[in-house]
N, C-alpha and C. Protein backbone atom coordinates (compact mmCIF):
# COMPACT_ATOMS: atom_id res chain seq x y z
N MET A 1 66.52 -2.04 -39.67
CA MET A 1 67.51 -3.11 -39.52
C MET A 1 67.92 -3.24 -38.06
N ASN A 2 68.30 -4.44 -37.69
CA ASN A 2 68.85 -4.63 -36.36
C ASN A 2 70.37 -4.73 -36.44
N ARG A 3 71.00 -4.82 -35.30
CA ARG A 3 72.47 -4.80 -35.28
C ARG A 3 73.07 -5.96 -36.06
N GLN A 4 72.51 -7.16 -35.94
CA GLN A 4 73.06 -8.31 -36.66
C GLN A 4 72.96 -8.11 -38.17
N GLU A 5 71.85 -7.56 -38.62
CA GLU A 5 71.69 -7.28 -40.05
C GLU A 5 72.68 -6.20 -40.50
N ASP A 6 72.86 -5.17 -39.66
CA ASP A 6 73.82 -4.12 -39.99
C ASP A 6 75.23 -4.69 -40.09
N LEU A 7 75.61 -5.57 -39.14
CA LEU A 7 76.94 -6.18 -39.19
C LEU A 7 77.10 -7.05 -40.43
N ALA A 8 76.07 -7.81 -40.78
CA ALA A 8 76.13 -8.65 -41.98
C ALA A 8 76.30 -7.79 -43.23
N ALA A 9 75.62 -6.64 -43.26
CA ALA A 9 75.73 -5.74 -44.42
C ALA A 9 77.13 -5.15 -44.56
N GLU A 10 77.87 -5.08 -43.47
CA GLU A 10 79.25 -4.56 -43.51
C GLU A 10 80.19 -5.49 -44.26
N GLY A 11 79.82 -6.77 -44.35
CA GLY A 11 80.70 -7.74 -44.99
C GLY A 11 81.69 -8.31 -43.99
N ALA A 12 82.65 -9.02 -44.52
CA ALA A 12 83.65 -9.67 -43.66
C ALA A 12 84.44 -8.61 -42.90
N PRO A 13 84.80 -8.90 -41.65
CA PRO A 13 85.62 -7.94 -40.90
C PRO A 13 86.96 -7.72 -41.60
N GLU A 14 87.48 -6.52 -41.45
CA GLU A 14 88.80 -6.20 -41.99
C GLU A 14 89.83 -7.12 -41.35
N GLN A 15 90.73 -7.62 -42.15
CA GLN A 15 91.79 -8.48 -41.62
C GLN A 15 92.87 -7.64 -40.94
N GLU A 16 93.45 -8.19 -39.89
CA GLU A 16 94.54 -7.49 -39.22
C GLU A 16 95.75 -7.45 -40.16
N PHE A 17 96.38 -6.29 -40.28
CA PHE A 17 97.57 -6.20 -41.12
C PHE A 17 98.78 -6.76 -40.40
N ASN A 18 98.76 -6.80 -39.08
CA ASN A 18 99.76 -7.48 -38.26
C ASN A 18 98.99 -8.36 -37.29
N PRO A 19 99.15 -9.68 -37.38
CA PRO A 19 98.40 -10.57 -36.50
C PRO A 19 98.56 -10.19 -35.01
N GLY A 20 97.44 -10.11 -34.31
CA GLY A 20 97.46 -9.79 -32.89
C GLY A 20 97.40 -8.31 -32.56
N ILE A 21 97.47 -7.45 -33.58
CA ILE A 21 97.51 -6.00 -33.31
C ILE A 21 96.21 -5.51 -32.66
N ALA A 22 95.08 -6.07 -33.05
CA ALA A 22 93.79 -5.61 -32.50
C ALA A 22 93.77 -5.79 -30.98
N ALA A 23 94.33 -6.88 -30.49
CA ALA A 23 94.34 -7.13 -29.04
C ALA A 23 95.28 -6.18 -28.31
N ARG A 24 96.26 -5.62 -29.02
CA ARG A 24 97.22 -4.71 -28.39
C ARG A 24 96.78 -3.24 -28.44
N MET A 25 95.69 -2.95 -29.15
CA MET A 25 95.22 -1.56 -29.27
C MET A 25 94.66 -1.08 -27.93
N PRO A 26 94.80 0.21 -27.65
CA PRO A 26 94.24 0.73 -26.40
C PRO A 26 92.72 0.58 -26.36
N ARG A 27 92.19 0.44 -25.17
CA ARG A 27 90.75 0.33 -24.97
C ARG A 27 90.29 1.50 -24.11
N LYS A 28 89.19 2.09 -24.48
CA LYS A 28 88.59 3.17 -23.70
C LYS A 28 87.36 2.63 -23.00
N THR A 29 87.10 3.19 -21.85
CA THR A 29 85.84 2.93 -21.17
C THR A 29 84.85 3.96 -21.68
N ALA A 30 83.58 3.62 -21.69
CA ALA A 30 82.54 4.57 -22.07
C ALA A 30 81.40 4.45 -21.06
N ALA A 31 80.69 5.56 -20.89
CA ALA A 31 79.54 5.58 -19.98
C ALA A 31 78.42 6.37 -20.63
N GLY A 32 77.20 6.02 -20.30
CA GLY A 32 76.04 6.75 -20.78
C GLY A 32 75.19 7.19 -19.61
N GLY A 33 74.89 8.47 -19.54
CA GLY A 33 74.08 9.01 -18.44
C GLY A 33 72.92 9.82 -18.97
N ALA A 34 71.91 10.00 -18.13
CA ALA A 34 70.71 10.73 -18.52
C ALA A 34 70.54 12.00 -17.69
N LEU A 35 70.32 13.10 -18.38
CA LEU A 35 69.99 14.37 -17.73
C LEU A 35 68.46 14.38 -17.57
N ILE A 36 68.01 14.01 -16.38
CA ILE A 36 66.58 13.94 -16.07
C ILE A 36 66.25 15.12 -15.17
N ARG A 37 65.17 15.83 -15.51
CA ARG A 37 64.82 17.03 -14.76
C ARG A 37 63.41 16.93 -14.18
N ASP A 38 63.14 17.80 -13.19
CA ASP A 38 61.78 17.98 -12.71
C ASP A 38 61.17 19.16 -13.45
N ARG A 39 59.94 19.48 -13.17
CA ARG A 39 59.25 20.57 -13.89
C ARG A 39 59.90 21.93 -13.66
N SER A 40 60.69 22.08 -12.58
CA SER A 40 61.39 23.33 -12.31
C SER A 40 62.74 23.41 -13.01
N GLY A 41 63.12 22.33 -13.71
CA GLY A 41 64.40 22.31 -14.42
C GLY A 41 65.56 21.81 -13.59
N ARG A 42 65.28 21.40 -12.34
CA ARG A 42 66.35 20.85 -11.51
C ARG A 42 66.70 19.44 -11.99
N ILE A 43 67.95 19.06 -11.83
CA ILE A 43 68.47 17.79 -12.33
C ILE A 43 68.35 16.71 -11.25
N LEU A 44 68.01 15.50 -11.69
CA LEU A 44 67.97 14.35 -10.79
C LEU A 44 69.39 13.87 -10.54
N PHE A 45 69.80 13.92 -9.27
CA PHE A 45 71.10 13.41 -8.85
C PHE A 45 70.88 12.24 -7.91
N LEU A 46 71.75 11.25 -8.04
CA LEU A 46 71.74 10.11 -7.13
C LEU A 46 72.94 10.20 -6.21
N GLU A 47 72.77 9.70 -4.98
CA GLU A 47 73.90 9.50 -4.06
C GLU A 47 74.30 8.05 -4.19
N PRO A 48 75.35 7.77 -4.98
CA PRO A 48 75.76 6.38 -5.18
C PRO A 48 76.26 5.75 -3.88
N THR A 49 76.12 4.44 -3.79
CA THR A 49 76.61 3.71 -2.62
C THR A 49 78.11 3.44 -2.71
N TYR A 50 78.70 3.65 -3.88
CA TYR A 50 80.08 3.22 -4.12
C TYR A 50 81.07 4.37 -4.33
N LYS A 51 80.61 5.63 -4.17
CA LYS A 51 81.54 6.76 -4.30
C LYS A 51 80.97 7.96 -3.55
N PRO A 52 81.83 8.91 -3.20
CA PRO A 52 81.39 10.02 -2.35
C PRO A 52 80.70 11.17 -3.08
N THR A 53 80.75 11.19 -4.41
CA THR A 53 80.19 12.32 -5.16
C THR A 53 78.81 11.97 -5.72
N LEU A 54 78.03 12.99 -6.00
CA LEU A 54 76.74 12.80 -6.65
C LEU A 54 76.96 12.39 -8.10
N ASP A 55 75.94 11.78 -8.69
CA ASP A 55 76.01 11.39 -10.09
C ASP A 55 74.61 11.44 -10.69
N ILE A 56 74.55 11.45 -12.01
CA ILE A 56 73.26 11.35 -12.69
C ILE A 56 73.02 9.86 -12.97
N PRO A 57 71.76 9.47 -13.19
CA PRO A 57 71.50 8.07 -13.53
C PRO A 57 72.24 7.68 -14.81
N GLY A 58 72.80 6.50 -14.81
CA GLY A 58 73.55 6.01 -15.95
C GLY A 58 74.68 5.13 -15.48
N GLY A 59 75.54 4.72 -16.40
CA GLY A 59 76.64 3.89 -15.98
C GLY A 59 77.52 3.45 -17.13
N ILE A 60 78.41 2.54 -16.80
CA ILE A 60 79.44 2.05 -17.72
C ILE A 60 78.81 1.18 -18.81
N VAL A 61 79.31 1.35 -20.01
CA VAL A 61 78.89 0.57 -21.16
C VAL A 61 79.49 -0.83 -21.05
N GLU A 62 78.65 -1.84 -21.22
CA GLU A 62 79.13 -3.22 -21.20
C GLU A 62 79.64 -3.62 -22.58
N TYR A 63 80.29 -4.78 -22.65
CA TYR A 63 80.85 -5.27 -23.91
C TYR A 63 79.76 -5.33 -24.98
N ASP A 64 80.04 -4.76 -26.14
CA ASP A 64 79.18 -4.77 -27.32
C ASP A 64 77.83 -4.11 -27.06
N GLU A 65 77.81 -3.13 -26.19
CA GLU A 65 76.61 -2.35 -25.89
C GLU A 65 76.91 -0.89 -26.25
N SER A 66 75.96 -0.20 -26.84
CA SER A 66 76.18 1.20 -27.19
C SER A 66 76.01 2.08 -25.96
N PRO A 67 76.59 3.28 -25.96
CA PRO A 67 76.38 4.20 -24.84
C PRO A 67 74.89 4.51 -24.61
N TYR A 68 74.13 4.62 -25.69
CA TYR A 68 72.68 4.87 -25.55
C TYR A 68 71.99 3.69 -24.87
N GLU A 69 72.31 2.47 -25.30
CA GLU A 69 71.72 1.28 -24.68
C GLU A 69 72.10 1.19 -23.21
N ALA A 70 73.36 1.50 -22.89
CA ALA A 70 73.80 1.48 -21.50
C ALA A 70 73.02 2.48 -20.66
N CYS A 71 72.81 3.67 -21.21
CA CYS A 71 72.06 4.70 -20.51
C CYS A 71 70.64 4.21 -20.20
N CYS A 72 69.96 3.68 -21.20
CA CYS A 72 68.59 3.18 -21.00
C CYS A 72 68.56 2.07 -19.95
N ARG A 73 69.49 1.11 -20.05
CA ARG A 73 69.54 -0.01 -19.11
C ARG A 73 69.81 0.48 -17.69
N GLU A 74 70.81 1.34 -17.55
CA GLU A 74 71.20 1.81 -16.22
C GLU A 74 70.11 2.67 -15.57
N VAL A 75 69.44 3.50 -16.36
CA VAL A 75 68.35 4.31 -15.81
C VAL A 75 67.28 3.40 -15.22
N LYS A 76 66.90 2.38 -15.99
CA LYS A 76 65.87 1.46 -15.50
C LYS A 76 66.34 0.72 -14.25
N GLU A 77 67.60 0.28 -14.24
CA GLU A 77 68.14 -0.43 -13.08
C GLU A 77 68.23 0.47 -11.86
N GLU A 78 68.70 1.69 -12.04
CA GLU A 78 68.99 2.56 -10.89
C GLU A 78 67.77 3.25 -10.30
N ILE A 79 66.83 3.68 -11.16
CA ILE A 79 65.68 4.42 -10.62
C ILE A 79 64.35 3.73 -10.86
N GLY A 80 64.36 2.57 -11.52
CA GLY A 80 63.16 1.78 -11.69
C GLY A 80 62.16 2.33 -12.69
N LEU A 81 62.58 3.23 -13.57
CA LEU A 81 61.69 3.78 -14.58
C LEU A 81 62.21 3.44 -15.98
N ASP A 82 61.30 3.02 -16.85
CA ASP A 82 61.64 2.73 -18.23
C ASP A 82 61.36 3.99 -19.04
N LEU A 83 62.27 4.95 -18.97
CA LEU A 83 62.06 6.25 -19.61
C LEU A 83 62.43 6.20 -21.07
N GLU A 84 61.80 7.08 -21.84
CA GLU A 84 62.20 7.27 -23.23
C GLU A 84 63.37 8.24 -23.21
N ILE A 85 64.55 7.72 -23.46
CA ILE A 85 65.76 8.54 -23.45
C ILE A 85 65.86 9.24 -24.80
N GLY A 86 66.13 10.53 -24.76
CA GLY A 86 66.15 11.34 -25.97
C GLY A 86 67.52 11.50 -26.59
N ARG A 87 67.70 12.64 -27.19
CA ARG A 87 68.88 12.90 -28.01
C ARG A 87 70.15 13.08 -27.19
N LEU A 88 71.26 12.97 -27.89
CA LEU A 88 72.58 13.20 -27.31
C LEU A 88 72.74 14.68 -26.97
N LEU A 89 73.23 14.96 -25.77
CA LEU A 89 73.50 16.33 -25.36
C LEU A 89 75.00 16.63 -25.35
N VAL A 90 75.80 15.71 -24.82
CA VAL A 90 77.24 15.94 -24.66
C VAL A 90 78.01 14.64 -24.85
N VAL A 91 79.16 14.74 -25.49
CA VAL A 91 80.19 13.71 -25.46
C VAL A 91 81.40 14.38 -24.82
N ASP A 92 81.91 13.78 -23.76
CA ASP A 92 83.02 14.37 -23.02
C ASP A 92 84.13 13.34 -22.86
N TRP A 93 85.33 13.70 -23.29
CA TRP A 93 86.49 12.84 -23.08
C TRP A 93 87.04 13.13 -21.69
N VAL A 94 87.28 12.06 -20.92
CA VAL A 94 87.80 12.16 -19.57
C VAL A 94 89.18 11.50 -19.54
N PRO A 95 90.23 12.23 -19.13
CA PRO A 95 91.58 11.64 -19.15
C PRO A 95 91.75 10.56 -18.09
N ALA A 96 92.78 9.73 -18.30
CA ALA A 96 93.13 8.71 -17.31
C ALA A 96 93.46 9.40 -15.99
N HIS A 97 93.04 8.76 -14.89
CA HIS A 97 93.27 9.37 -13.58
C HIS A 97 93.33 8.24 -12.55
N GLY A 98 94.46 8.16 -11.83
CA GLY A 98 94.61 7.08 -10.86
C GLY A 98 94.53 5.74 -11.56
N PRO A 99 93.74 4.80 -11.02
CA PRO A 99 93.65 3.47 -11.63
C PRO A 99 92.74 3.41 -12.85
N TRP A 100 92.07 4.52 -13.17
CA TRP A 100 91.06 4.52 -14.22
C TRP A 100 91.65 4.95 -15.57
N SER A 101 91.31 4.20 -16.63
CA SER A 101 91.75 4.57 -17.97
C SER A 101 90.93 5.75 -18.47
N ASP A 102 91.38 6.35 -19.55
CA ASP A 102 90.59 7.44 -20.11
C ASP A 102 89.27 6.88 -20.62
N SER A 103 88.29 7.78 -20.75
CA SER A 103 86.95 7.31 -21.09
C SER A 103 86.19 8.37 -21.88
N LEU A 104 85.05 7.96 -22.40
CA LEU A 104 84.12 8.86 -23.06
C LEU A 104 82.81 8.83 -22.27
N ALA A 105 82.33 10.00 -21.88
CA ALA A 105 81.07 10.12 -21.16
C ALA A 105 80.03 10.72 -22.08
N PHE A 106 78.96 10.00 -22.31
CA PHE A 106 77.85 10.44 -23.15
C PHE A 106 76.70 10.84 -22.24
N VAL A 107 76.15 12.03 -22.45
CA VAL A 107 74.98 12.47 -21.68
C VAL A 107 73.83 12.65 -22.66
N PHE A 108 72.71 11.98 -22.34
CA PHE A 108 71.51 12.02 -23.17
C PHE A 108 70.40 12.75 -22.43
N ASP A 109 69.44 13.24 -23.19
CA ASP A 109 68.28 13.91 -22.60
C ASP A 109 67.35 12.86 -22.00
N GLY A 110 67.20 12.89 -20.69
CA GLY A 110 66.33 11.95 -19.99
C GLY A 110 64.92 12.47 -19.81
N GLY A 111 64.66 13.70 -20.27
CA GLY A 111 63.32 14.25 -20.20
C GLY A 111 62.98 14.82 -18.84
N VAL A 112 61.69 15.11 -18.68
CA VAL A 112 61.16 15.75 -17.47
C VAL A 112 60.23 14.79 -16.77
N LEU A 113 60.45 14.59 -15.48
CA LEU A 113 59.55 13.76 -14.68
C LEU A 113 58.42 14.62 -14.16
N ASP A 114 57.24 14.05 -14.14
CA ASP A 114 56.09 14.78 -13.63
C ASP A 114 55.87 14.37 -12.17
N HIS A 115 55.22 13.25 -11.96
CA HIS A 115 55.00 12.78 -10.60
C HIS A 115 55.37 11.31 -10.46
N GLU A 116 56.25 10.83 -11.33
CA GLU A 116 56.65 9.43 -11.28
C GLU A 116 57.37 9.13 -9.97
N THR A 117 57.13 7.95 -9.45
CA THR A 117 57.78 7.50 -8.22
C THR A 117 59.04 6.73 -8.59
N LEU A 118 60.15 7.14 -8.03
CA LEU A 118 61.40 6.45 -8.27
C LEU A 118 61.50 5.23 -7.37
N SER A 119 62.06 4.19 -7.90
CA SER A 119 62.32 2.97 -7.12
C SER A 119 63.81 2.72 -7.20
N LEU A 120 64.56 3.32 -6.27
CA LEU A 120 66.01 3.24 -6.31
C LEU A 120 66.52 1.84 -5.99
N ASP A 121 67.52 1.40 -6.75
CA ASP A 121 68.20 0.14 -6.46
C ASP A 121 69.12 0.40 -5.27
N PRO A 122 68.86 -0.23 -4.11
CA PRO A 122 69.66 0.07 -2.91
C PRO A 122 71.12 -0.34 -3.02
N THR A 123 71.48 -1.17 -3.99
CA THR A 123 72.89 -1.50 -4.18
C THR A 123 73.60 -0.41 -4.98
N GLU A 124 72.83 0.45 -5.64
CA GLU A 124 73.39 1.51 -6.49
C GLU A 124 73.32 2.89 -5.86
N ALA A 125 72.19 3.21 -5.21
CA ALA A 125 71.99 4.58 -4.72
C ALA A 125 71.31 4.59 -3.35
N ARG A 126 71.83 5.47 -2.49
CA ARG A 126 71.25 5.65 -1.15
C ARG A 126 69.98 6.49 -1.21
N THR A 127 70.01 7.56 -1.99
CA THR A 127 68.87 8.46 -2.10
C THR A 127 69.03 9.31 -3.36
N HIS A 128 68.08 10.19 -3.58
CA HIS A 128 68.15 11.07 -4.74
C HIS A 128 67.77 12.49 -4.33
N HIS A 129 68.17 13.43 -5.18
CA HIS A 129 67.88 14.85 -4.97
C HIS A 129 67.63 15.49 -6.33
N PHE A 130 66.75 16.48 -6.36
CA PHE A 130 66.62 17.33 -7.53
C PHE A 130 67.30 18.64 -7.17
N LEU A 131 68.37 18.96 -7.91
CA LEU A 131 69.19 20.13 -7.60
C LEU A 131 69.60 20.84 -8.89
N THR A 132 69.93 22.11 -8.78
CA THR A 132 70.57 22.80 -9.89
C THR A 132 72.05 22.40 -9.89
N VAL A 133 72.73 22.67 -10.98
CA VAL A 133 74.17 22.38 -11.03
C VAL A 133 74.88 23.18 -9.94
N ALA A 134 74.49 24.42 -9.74
CA ALA A 134 75.13 25.25 -8.71
C ALA A 134 74.91 24.65 -7.31
N GLU A 135 73.71 24.16 -7.03
CA GLU A 135 73.44 23.56 -5.72
C GLU A 135 74.23 22.26 -5.54
N ALA A 136 74.38 21.50 -6.61
CA ALA A 136 75.06 20.21 -6.54
C ALA A 136 76.58 20.33 -6.59
N SER A 137 77.10 21.43 -7.12
CA SER A 137 78.54 21.57 -7.37
C SER A 137 79.45 21.21 -6.20
N PRO A 138 79.13 21.58 -4.97
CA PRO A 138 80.03 21.18 -3.88
C PRO A 138 80.17 19.66 -3.72
N ARG A 139 79.22 18.91 -4.28
CA ARG A 139 79.25 17.45 -4.16
C ARG A 139 79.51 16.77 -5.51
N LEU A 140 79.99 17.55 -6.48
CA LEU A 140 80.33 17.02 -7.80
C LEU A 140 81.82 17.20 -8.06
N ARG A 141 82.38 16.34 -8.88
CA ARG A 141 83.72 16.60 -9.39
C ARG A 141 83.59 17.80 -10.32
N PRO A 142 84.59 18.68 -10.37
CA PRO A 142 84.50 19.86 -11.23
C PRO A 142 84.20 19.53 -12.69
N SER A 143 84.78 18.44 -13.20
CA SER A 143 84.53 18.07 -14.60
C SER A 143 83.07 17.70 -14.82
N MET A 144 82.43 17.07 -13.84
CA MET A 144 81.01 16.72 -13.97
C MET A 144 80.15 17.97 -13.96
N ALA A 145 80.48 18.94 -13.13
CA ALA A 145 79.73 20.20 -13.11
C ALA A 145 79.84 20.89 -14.48
N ARG A 146 81.04 20.89 -15.05
CA ARG A 146 81.22 21.49 -16.38
C ARG A 146 80.42 20.72 -17.43
N ARG A 147 80.47 19.39 -17.37
CA ARG A 147 79.75 18.55 -18.34
C ARG A 147 78.25 18.79 -18.27
N LEU A 148 77.71 18.87 -17.07
CA LEU A 148 76.27 19.06 -16.92
C LEU A 148 75.85 20.47 -17.33
N THR A 149 76.71 21.44 -17.13
CA THR A 149 76.43 22.80 -17.61
C THR A 149 76.33 22.80 -19.13
N LEU A 150 77.24 22.07 -19.79
CA LEU A 150 77.18 21.94 -21.24
C LEU A 150 75.91 21.21 -21.68
N ALA A 151 75.50 20.20 -20.92
CA ALA A 151 74.28 19.47 -21.26
C ALA A 151 73.06 20.38 -21.17
N GLU A 152 73.01 21.23 -20.15
CA GLU A 152 71.90 22.18 -20.04
C GLU A 152 71.92 23.18 -21.20
N GLN A 153 73.10 23.61 -21.59
CA GLN A 153 73.21 24.52 -22.73
C GLN A 153 72.72 23.84 -24.01
N SER A 154 73.04 22.56 -24.16
CA SER A 154 72.61 21.81 -25.33
C SER A 154 71.09 21.69 -25.39
N LEU A 155 70.44 21.58 -24.24
CA LEU A 155 68.98 21.57 -24.22
C LEU A 155 68.42 22.85 -24.83
N THR A 156 69.09 23.97 -24.54
CA THR A 156 68.64 25.28 -25.03
C THR A 156 68.97 25.49 -26.50
N THR A 157 70.19 25.15 -26.90
CA THR A 157 70.62 25.41 -28.28
C THR A 157 70.12 24.37 -29.27
N GLY A 158 69.83 23.16 -28.77
CA GLY A 158 69.45 22.08 -29.66
C GLY A 158 70.63 21.41 -30.33
N LEU A 159 71.85 21.83 -29.98
CA LEU A 159 73.06 21.28 -30.59
C LEU A 159 73.85 20.47 -29.57
N PRO A 160 74.29 19.27 -29.94
CA PRO A 160 75.12 18.51 -29.01
C PRO A 160 76.49 19.18 -28.85
N ALA A 161 77.12 18.93 -27.72
CA ALA A 161 78.44 19.51 -27.44
C ALA A 161 79.48 18.40 -27.33
N TYR A 162 80.70 18.73 -27.74
CA TYR A 162 81.84 17.86 -27.49
C TYR A 162 82.76 18.61 -26.53
N ALA A 163 83.29 17.88 -25.54
CA ALA A 163 84.17 18.50 -24.56
C ALA A 163 85.35 17.60 -24.25
N ASP A 164 86.42 18.21 -23.80
CA ASP A 164 87.58 17.52 -23.23
C ASP A 164 87.58 17.83 -21.75
N PHE A 165 87.25 16.83 -20.93
CA PHE A 165 87.22 16.96 -19.47
C PHE A 165 86.27 18.08 -19.04
N GLY A 166 85.13 18.16 -19.73
CA GLY A 166 84.10 19.13 -19.38
C GLY A 166 84.30 20.51 -19.98
N ARG A 167 85.38 20.69 -20.71
CA ARG A 167 85.64 22.00 -21.32
C ARG A 167 85.35 21.93 -22.82
N PRO A 168 84.46 22.78 -23.31
CA PRO A 168 84.13 22.73 -24.74
C PRO A 168 85.37 22.98 -25.59
N THR A 169 85.41 22.31 -26.73
CA THR A 169 86.57 22.47 -27.61
C THR A 169 86.33 23.55 -28.66
N THR A 170 85.09 24.02 -28.77
CA THR A 170 84.77 25.11 -29.68
C THR A 170 83.95 26.14 -28.92
N PRO A 171 84.04 27.41 -29.32
CA PRO A 171 83.29 28.45 -28.60
C PRO A 171 81.79 28.30 -28.75
């Protein structure tokens, strides 16, 4: 089934019990990123043009787009590769900070690159590096370092992780 068929199978949307309440409900931002590695297990990091910290390929979910779809779209836009994005590794809740609302960060398995040539979008990234989390940590926000450590653990365990600001909620 496709999304339109799935929505049709749901039936009529639930009616608002108080008119206008849906528009007043809080909205969260969501992002989908890919943990892409080289054969040595190092992670692909981009140097974004719009912020001082390193990031993995991925980005903000657009209206009516799933985090997985956003991840696939952003990977293709940012590094020029149409990769087969794999399973979910981490869902991380990020609290509101400064002008940014709270959000959900989804990290998916982006697989291992062999000798593919990246074609970086110059409006998105200056350059790229393959680094371990420890090597990248001085240029990462602490929550991102924690999130990526959980993603690497998920690759090993085969189990997705849920975290609050990069900290697992279960042992």
